C-alpha atoms as a PDB file:
ATOM      1  CA  MET A   1      26.987 -73.943  -5.093  1.00  0.00           C
ATOM      2  CA  ALA A   2      25.721 -70.406  -5.775  1.00  0.00           C
ATOM      3  CA  ARG A   3      26.594 -67.247  -3.821  1.00  0.00           C
ATOM      4  CA  LEU A   4      23.229 -65.571  -3.220  1.00  0.00           C
ATOM      5  CA  PHE A   5      21.841 -62.389  -1.747  1.00  0.00           C
ATOM      6  CA  VAL A   6      18.547 -60.504  -1.776  1.00  0.00           C
ATOM      7  CA  GLY A   7      18.624 -56.804  -2.544  1.00  0.00           C
ATOM      8  CA  ILE A   8      17.054 -53.706  -4.013  1.00  0.00           C
ATOM      9  CA  GLY A   9      18.454 -52.531  -7.326  1.00  0.00           C
ATOM     10  CA  LEU A  10      19.028 -48.797  -7.747  1.00  0.00           C
ATOM     11  CA  PRO A  11      17.595 -46.556 -10.476  1.00  0.00           C
ATOM     12  CA  GLU A  12      19.669 -45.277 -13.380  1.00  0.00           C
ATOM     13  CA  THR A  13      19.912 -41.787 -11.870  1.00  0.00           C
ATOM     14  CA  TYR A  14      21.784 -43.271  -8.918  1.00  0.00           C
ATOM     15  CA  ARG A  15      24.045 -45.427 -11.038  1.00  0.00           C
ATOM     16  CA  GLN A  16      25.013 -42.511 -13.281  1.00  0.00           C
ATOM     17  CA  SER A  17      25.962 -40.397 -10.255  1.00  0.00           C
ATOM     18  CA  LEU A  18      28.107 -43.033  -8.536  1.00  0.00           C
ATOM     19  CA  SER A  19      31.295 -42.851 -10.612  1.00  0.00           C
ATOM     20  CA  PRO A  20      31.602 -39.032 -10.506  1.00  0.00           C
ATOM     21  CA  LEU A  21      31.103 -39.183  -6.738  1.00  0.00           C
ATOM     22  CA  THR A  22      33.649 -41.915  -6.049  1.00  0.00           C
ATOM     23  CA  THR A  23      36.169 -40.271  -8.393  1.00  0.00           C
ATOM     24  CA  SER A  24      35.947 -37.044  -6.421  1.00  0.00           C
ATOM     25  CA  LEU A  25      36.129 -38.893  -3.088  1.00  0.00           C
ATOM     26  CA  SER A  26      39.229 -40.845  -4.143  1.00  0.00           C
ATOM     27  CA  ARG A  27      41.108 -37.538  -4.353  1.00  0.00           C
ATOM     28  CA  LEU A  28      40.485 -36.960  -0.644  1.00  0.00           C
ATOM     29  CA  THR A  29      42.215 -40.084   0.688  1.00  0.00           C
ATOM     30  CA  ASP A  30      45.422 -42.074   0.269  1.00  0.00           C
ATOM     31  CA  ASN A  31      43.675 -45.298   1.278  1.00  0.00           C
ATOM     32  CA  CYS A  32      43.356 -48.171  -1.165  1.00  0.00           C
ATOM     33  CA  ILE A  33      39.593 -48.391  -1.722  1.00  0.00           C
ATOM     34  CA  ASN A  34      37.617 -50.754  -3.920  1.00  0.00           C
ATOM     35  CA  TRP A  35      34.769 -48.482  -4.999  1.00  0.00           C
ATOM     36  CA  SER A  36      31.349 -49.902  -5.856  1.00  0.00           C
ATOM     37  CA  ARG A  37      30.607 -50.200  -9.577  1.00  0.00           C
ATOM     38  CA  PRO A  38      27.459 -48.622 -11.048  1.00  0.00           C
ATOM     39  CA  ASP A  39      26.352 -51.892 -12.672  1.00  0.00           C
ATOM     40  CA  THR A  40      26.371 -53.766  -9.360  1.00  0.00           C
ATOM     41  CA  TRP A  41      25.264 -51.004  -6.959  1.00  0.00           C
ATOM     42  CA  HIS A  42      22.382 -52.101  -4.733  1.00  0.00           C
ATOM     43  CA  LEU A  43      20.986 -52.165  -1.208  1.00  0.00           C
ATOM     44  CA  THR A  44      21.460 -55.572   0.411  1.00  0.00           C
ATOM     45  CA  LEU A  45      18.458 -56.927   2.326  1.00  0.00           C
ATOM     46  CA  LYS A  46      19.767 -60.418   3.083  1.00  0.00           C
ATOM     47  CA  PHE A  47      23.063 -62.170   2.319  1.00  0.00           C
ATOM     48  CA  LEU A  48      22.634 -65.922   1.979  1.00  0.00           C
ATOM     49  CA  GLY A  49      26.189 -66.785   0.929  1.00  0.00           C
ATOM     50  CA  GLU A  50      27.131 -70.093  -0.666  1.00  0.00           C
ATOM     51  CA  THR A  51      23.922 -72.042  -1.248  1.00  0.00           C
ATOM     52  CA  GLU A  52      23.214 -75.393  -2.866  1.00  0.00           C
ATOM     53  CA  GLU A  53      21.602 -74.754  -6.237  1.00  0.00           C
ATOM     54  CA  ALA A  54      18.965 -77.399  -5.507  1.00  0.00           C
ATOM     55  CA  ARG A  55      17.615 -75.110  -2.758  1.00  0.00           C
ATOM     56  CA  ILE A  56      17.030 -72.130  -5.058  1.00  0.00           C
ATOM     57  CA  PRO A  57      13.450 -73.096  -6.119  1.00  0.00           C
ATOM     58  CA  ALA A  58      12.353 -73.302  -2.469  1.00  0.00           C
ATOM     59  CA  ILE A  59      14.020 -69.946  -1.763  1.00  0.00           C
ATOM     60  CA  LYS A  60      12.165 -68.346  -4.671  1.00  0.00           C
ATOM     61  CA  ASP A  61       8.883 -69.822  -3.507  1.00  0.00           C
ATOM     62  CA  ALA A  62       9.460 -68.556   0.036  1.00  0.00           C
ATOM     63  CA  LEU A  63      10.220 -65.027  -1.162  1.00  0.00           C
ATOM     64  CA  SER A  64       7.096 -65.041  -3.347  1.00  0.00           C
ATOM     65  CA  THR A  65       4.897 -65.399  -0.246  1.00  0.00           C
ATOM     66  CA  LEU A  66       5.843 -61.985   1.167  1.00  0.00           C
ATOM     67  CA  ASP A  67       3.195 -59.285   1.406  1.00  0.00           C
ATOM     68  CA  PHE A  68       4.796 -55.838   1.602  1.00  0.00           C
ATOM     69  CA  PRO A  69       3.782 -52.451   0.155  1.00  0.00           C
ATOM     70  CA  ARG A  70       5.814 -50.271  -2.148  1.00  0.00           C
ATOM     71  CA  PHE A  71       7.716 -47.483  -0.439  1.00  0.00           C
ATOM     72  CA  THR A  72       9.866 -44.444  -1.145  1.00  0.00           C
ATOM     73  CA  LEU A  73      13.623 -44.650  -0.715  1.00  0.00           C
ATOM     74  CA  GLN A  74      16.130 -41.810  -0.834  1.00  0.00           C
ATOM     75  CA  ALA A  75      19.843 -41.813  -0.045  1.00  0.00           C
ATOM     76  CA  GLY A  76      21.151 -39.207   2.357  1.00  0.00           C
ATOM     77  CA  GLY A  77      24.057 -38.805   4.741  1.00  0.00           C
ATOM     78  CA  ALA A  78      27.179 -40.949   4.899  1.00  0.00           C
ATOM     79  CA  GLY A  79      29.082 -43.055   7.384  1.00  0.00           C
ATOM     80  CA  ALA A  80      31.662 -45.803   7.854  1.00  0.00           C
ATOM     81  CA  PHE A  81      31.877 -49.229   9.446  1.00  0.00           C
ATOM     82  CA  PRO A  82      33.157 -49.585  12.093  1.00  0.00           C
ATOM     83  CA  ASN A  83      34.018 -45.862  12.414  1.00  0.00           C
ATOM     84  CA  ALA A  84      35.522 -42.873  10.586  1.00  0.00           C
ATOM     85  CA  GLN A  85      38.915 -43.267  12.278  1.00  0.00           C
ATOM     86  CA  ARG A  86      39.726 -46.668  10.761  1.00  0.00           C
ATOM     87  CA  PRO A  87      36.972 -47.391   8.244  1.00  0.00           C
ATOM     88  CA  LYS A  88      36.529 -50.694   6.463  1.00  0.00           C
ATOM     89  CA  VAL A  89      33.321 -49.806   4.601  1.00  0.00           C
ATOM     90  CA  LEU A  90      32.188 -46.378   3.387  1.00  0.00           C
ATOM     91  CA  TRP A  91      28.452 -46.004   2.869  1.00  0.00           C
ATOM     92  CA  LEU A  92      25.514 -43.729   2.186  1.00  0.00           C
ATOM     93  CA  GLY A  93      22.611 -43.732   4.600  1.00  0.00           C
ATOM     94  CA  LEU A  94      18.918 -43.362   3.852  1.00  0.00           C
ATOM     95  CA  ALA A  95      17.068 -40.073   4.204  1.00  0.00           C
ATOM     96  CA  GLN A  96      13.794 -41.871   3.437  1.00  0.00           C
ATOM     97  CA  GLY A  97      12.760 -45.510   3.589  1.00  0.00           C
ATOM     98  CA  ALA A  98      15.070 -46.843   6.313  1.00  0.00           C
ATOM     99  CA  ASP A  99      12.238 -48.193   8.469  1.00  0.00           C
ATOM    100  CA  GLN A 100      10.457 -49.725   5.478  1.00  0.00           C
ATOM    101  CA  ALA A 101      13.675 -51.341   4.219  1.00  0.00           C
ATOM    102  CA  ALA A 102      14.224 -52.797   7.688  1.00  0.00           C
ATOM    103  CA  GLY A 103      10.655 -54.105   7.720  1.00  0.00           C
ATOM    104  CA  LEU A 104      11.109 -55.731   4.323  1.00  0.00           C
ATOM    105  CA  ALA A 105      14.410 -57.272   5.437  1.00  0.00           C
ATOM    106  CA  SER A 106      12.679 -58.667   8.534  1.00  0.00           C
ATOM    107  CA  GLY A 107       9.973 -60.236   6.391  1.00  0.00           C
ATOM    108  CA  ILE A 108      12.613 -61.792   4.158  1.00  0.00           C
ATOM    109  CA  GLU A 109      14.383 -63.226   7.214  1.00  0.00           C
ATOM    110  CA  ASP A 110      11.122 -64.819   8.385  1.00  0.00           C
ATOM    111  CA  ALA A 111      10.262 -66.233   4.961  1.00  0.00           C
ATOM    112  CA  LEU A 112      13.701 -67.739   4.394  1.00  0.00           C
ATOM    113  CA  ALA A 113      13.979 -69.111   7.929  1.00  0.00           C
ATOM    114  CA  ALA A 114      10.911 -71.215   7.124  1.00  0.00           C
ATOM    115  CA  VAL A 115      12.929 -73.021   4.419  1.00  0.00           C
ATOM    116  CA  GLY A 116      16.042 -73.485   6.528  1.00  0.00           C
ATOM    117  CA  VAL A 117      18.084 -70.376   5.750  1.00  0.00           C
ATOM    118  CA  PRO A 118      19.879 -69.229   8.939  1.00  0.00           C
ATOM    119  CA  ARG A 119      18.856 -65.862  10.334  1.00  0.00           C
ATOM    120  CA  GLU A 120      21.297 -62.977  10.350  1.00  0.00           C
ATOM    121  CA  GLN A 121      22.654 -62.401  13.859  1.00  0.00           C
ATOM    122  CA  LYS A 122      23.664 -58.769  13.369  1.00  0.00           C
ATOM    123  CA  ARG A 123      21.155 -55.928  13.466  1.00  0.00           C
ATOM    124  CA  PHE A 124      20.072 -54.858   9.980  1.00  0.00           C
ATOM    125  CA  ARG A 125      21.427 -51.408   9.096  1.00  0.00           C
ATOM    126  CA  PRO A 126      20.210 -50.323   5.646  1.00  0.00           C
ATOM    127  CA  HIS A 127      22.935 -48.596   3.634  1.00  0.00           C
ATOM    128  CA  LEU A 128      24.367 -48.227   0.148  1.00  0.00           C
ATOM    129  CA  THR A 129      28.015 -49.285   0.056  1.00  0.00           C
ATOM    130  CA  LEU A 130      30.292 -46.746  -1.625  1.00  0.00           C
ATOM    131  CA  GLY A 131      33.539 -48.646  -1.209  1.00  0.00           C
ATOM    132  CA  ARG A 132      35.565 -51.084   0.859  1.00  0.00           C
ATOM    133  CA  VAL A 133      38.862 -49.935   2.339  1.00  0.00           C
ATOM    134  CA  ARG A 134      41.539 -52.557   1.660  1.00  0.00           C
ATOM    135  CA  ARG A 135      44.452 -51.001   3.549  1.00  0.00           C
ATOM    136  CA  PRO A 136      43.085 -48.659   6.225  1.00  0.00           C
ATOM    137  CA  GLY A 137      45.403 -45.809   7.094  1.00  0.00           C
ATOM    138  CA  PRO A 138      45.507 -43.639  10.201  1.00  0.00           C
ATOM    139  CA  GLY A 139      43.621 -40.389  10.564  1.00  0.00           C
ATOM    140  CA  ASN A 140      40.069 -39.144  10.711  1.00  0.00           C
ATOM    141  CA  HIS A 141      38.129 -39.826   7.505  1.00  0.00           C
ATOM    142  CA  GLN A 142      35.154 -37.717   8.524  1.00  0.00           C
ATOM    143  CA  PRO A 143      35.990 -34.995   5.924  1.00  0.00           C
ATOM    144  CA  LEU A 144      35.635 -37.638   3.181  1.00  0.00           C
ATOM    145  CA  LEU A 145      32.297 -38.749   4.604  1.00  0.00           C
ATOM    146  CA  ASP A 146      31.141 -35.140   4.890  1.00  0.00           C
ATOM    147  CA  ALA A 147      31.942 -34.678   1.199  1.00  0.00           C
ATOM    148  CA  ALA A 148      29.995 -37.822   0.320  1.00  0.00           C
ATOM    149  CA  ALA A 149      27.005 -36.563   2.291  1.00  0.00           C
ATOM    150  CA  GLN A 150      26.795 -33.379   0.198  1.00  0.00           C
ATOM    151  CA  THR A 151      25.460 -35.202  -2.874  1.00  0.00           C
ATOM    152  CA  GLN A 152      21.722 -34.753  -3.385  1.00  0.00           C
ATOM    153  CA  TRP A 153      19.905 -37.973  -4.248  1.00  0.00           C
ATOM    154  CA  PRO A 154      16.339 -38.037  -5.621  1.00  0.00           C
ATOM    155  CA  PRO A 155      13.645 -40.172  -3.989  1.00  0.00           C
ATOM    156  CA  PHE A 156      12.368 -43.187  -5.921  1.00  0.00           C
ATOM    157  CA  THR A 157       9.690 -45.826  -5.458  1.00  0.00           C
ATOM    158  CA  VAL A 158      10.843 -49.302  -4.496  1.00  0.00           C
ATOM    159  CA  ASN A 159       8.428 -51.541  -6.348  1.00  0.00           C
ATOM    160  CA  ARG A 160      10.382 -54.799  -6.315  1.00  0.00           C
ATOM    161  CA  PHE A 161      13.242 -56.679  -4.749  1.00  0.00           C
ATOM    162  CA  THR A 162      15.552 -59.219  -6.351  1.00  0.00           C
ATOM    163  CA  LEU A 163      17.233 -62.523  -5.624  1.00  0.00           C
ATOM    164  CA  TYR A 164      20.755 -62.233  -7.037  1.00  0.00           C
ATOM    165  CA  GLN A 165      23.593 -64.612  -7.709  1.00  0.00           C
ATOM    166  CA  SER A 166      27.006 -63.045  -7.172  1.00  0.00           C
ATOM    167  CA  THR A 167      29.925 -64.483  -9.128  1.00  0.00           C
ATOM    168  CA  LEU A 168      33.366 -63.445  -7.900  1.00  0.00           C
ATOM    169  CA  ALA A 169      36.189 -62.708 -10.334  1.00  0.00           C
ATOM    170  CA  PRO A 170      39.549 -60.870 -10.243  1.00  0.00           C
ATOM    171  CA  THR A 171      37.899 -57.913 -11.992  1.00  0.00           C
ATOM    172  CA  GLY A 172      35.091 -57.762  -9.424  1.00  0.00           C
ATOM    173  CA  ALA A 173      31.796 -59.468  -8.720  1.00  0.00           C
ATOM    174  CA  THR A 174      29.082 -59.945 -11.349  1.00  0.00           C
ATOM    175  CA  HIS A 175      25.486 -59.929 -10.146  1.00  0.00           C
ATOM    176  CA  THR A 176      22.847 -61.927 -12.016  1.00  0.00           C
ATOM    177  CA  ALA A 177      19.155 -61.523 -11.190  1.00  0.00           C
ATOM    178  CA  LEU A 178      17.630 -64.969 -10.610  1.00  0.00           C
ATOM    179  CA  ALA A 179      14.127 -63.714  -9.766  1.00  0.00           C
ATOM    180  CA  GLU A 180      12.355 -60.423  -9.108  1.00  0.00           C
ATOM    181  CA  PHE A 181       9.417 -59.979  -6.747  1.00  0.00           C
ATOM    182  CA  ALA A 182       6.891 -57.160  -7.017  1.00  0.00           C
ATOM    183  CA  LEU A 183       5.893 -55.050  -4.038  1.00  0.00           C
ATOM    184  CA  ALA A 184       2.238 -54.195  -4.245  1.00  0.00           C
ATOM    185  CA  GLY A 185       0.860 -54.437  -0.718  1.00  0.00           C
ATOM    186  CA  ARG A 186      -1.642 -57.106  -1.551  1.00  0.00           C
ATOM    187  CA  ARG A 187      -1.858 -60.586  -0.112  1.00  0.00           C
ATOM    188  CA  GLY A 188       0.451 -63.018  -1.850  1.00  0.00           C
ATOM    189  CA  LEU A 189       3.403 -61.204  -3.445  1.00  0.00           C
ATOM    190  CA  ARG A 190       3.661 -62.402  -7.015  1.00  0.00           C
ATOM    191  CA  ARG A 191       6.880 -63.231  -8.764  1.00  0.00           C
ATOM    192  CA  LEU A 192       7.545 -61.105 -11.827  1.00  0.00           C
ATOM    193  CA  ARG A 193       7.463 -62.895 -15.112  1.00  0.00           C
ATOM    194  CA  GLU A 194      10.474 -62.581 -17.401  1.00  0.00           C
ATOM    195  CA  GLY A 195       8.794 -60.015 -19.625  1.00  0.00           C
ATOM    196  CA  GLU A 196       7.874 -57.757 -16.710  1.00  0.00           C
ATOM    197  CA  ARG A 197      11.394 -56.934 -15.600  1.00  0.00           C
ATOM    198  CA  GLY A 198      12.480 -53.350 -16.018  1.00  0.00           C
ATOM    199  CA  ASN A 199      13.966 -50.266 -14.453  1.00  0.00           C
ATOM    200  CA  PHE A 200      12.644 -48.531 -11.352  1.00  0.00           C
END
């Protein structure tokens, strides 16, 4: 079995800014928070969960049929699930690209449903996870979220999405890219060849 998800990797400028941000935010709360790591930071489009490895080729083929244009994405704002009073997840929102990310996620749902992957029942809410609160404490965490929202994030072009395998370990999850798919807006999204992988 393989633990799979589909997501958008983030550019180096985002990854380099994550640790300074989470370090400063950790000083504003007594909660135990597992902060996202720069090397695994991403925007999740579809979580498949534990999947039989024999199904992976069909999943790749289904994703390669998508036809979706490139778009601009930019982080902006911050929030918490389920709320700022007792948060479980701290996240950044999107100042640009939320509608396009939702459209891409919808296309992925349709493509994977055709090969037997169950649809997500919850409404898709595009976000970049900052951290997961392990022992929520009382009080309003809005000041922490306000501080997170002050960071300025540059826009970047989303030109691909990725099928990842997530391997859990005591030190945290490791994400391995199984296949990347180019966004070009032309009929028949092609799968990137090994030599074409690269940074955004």
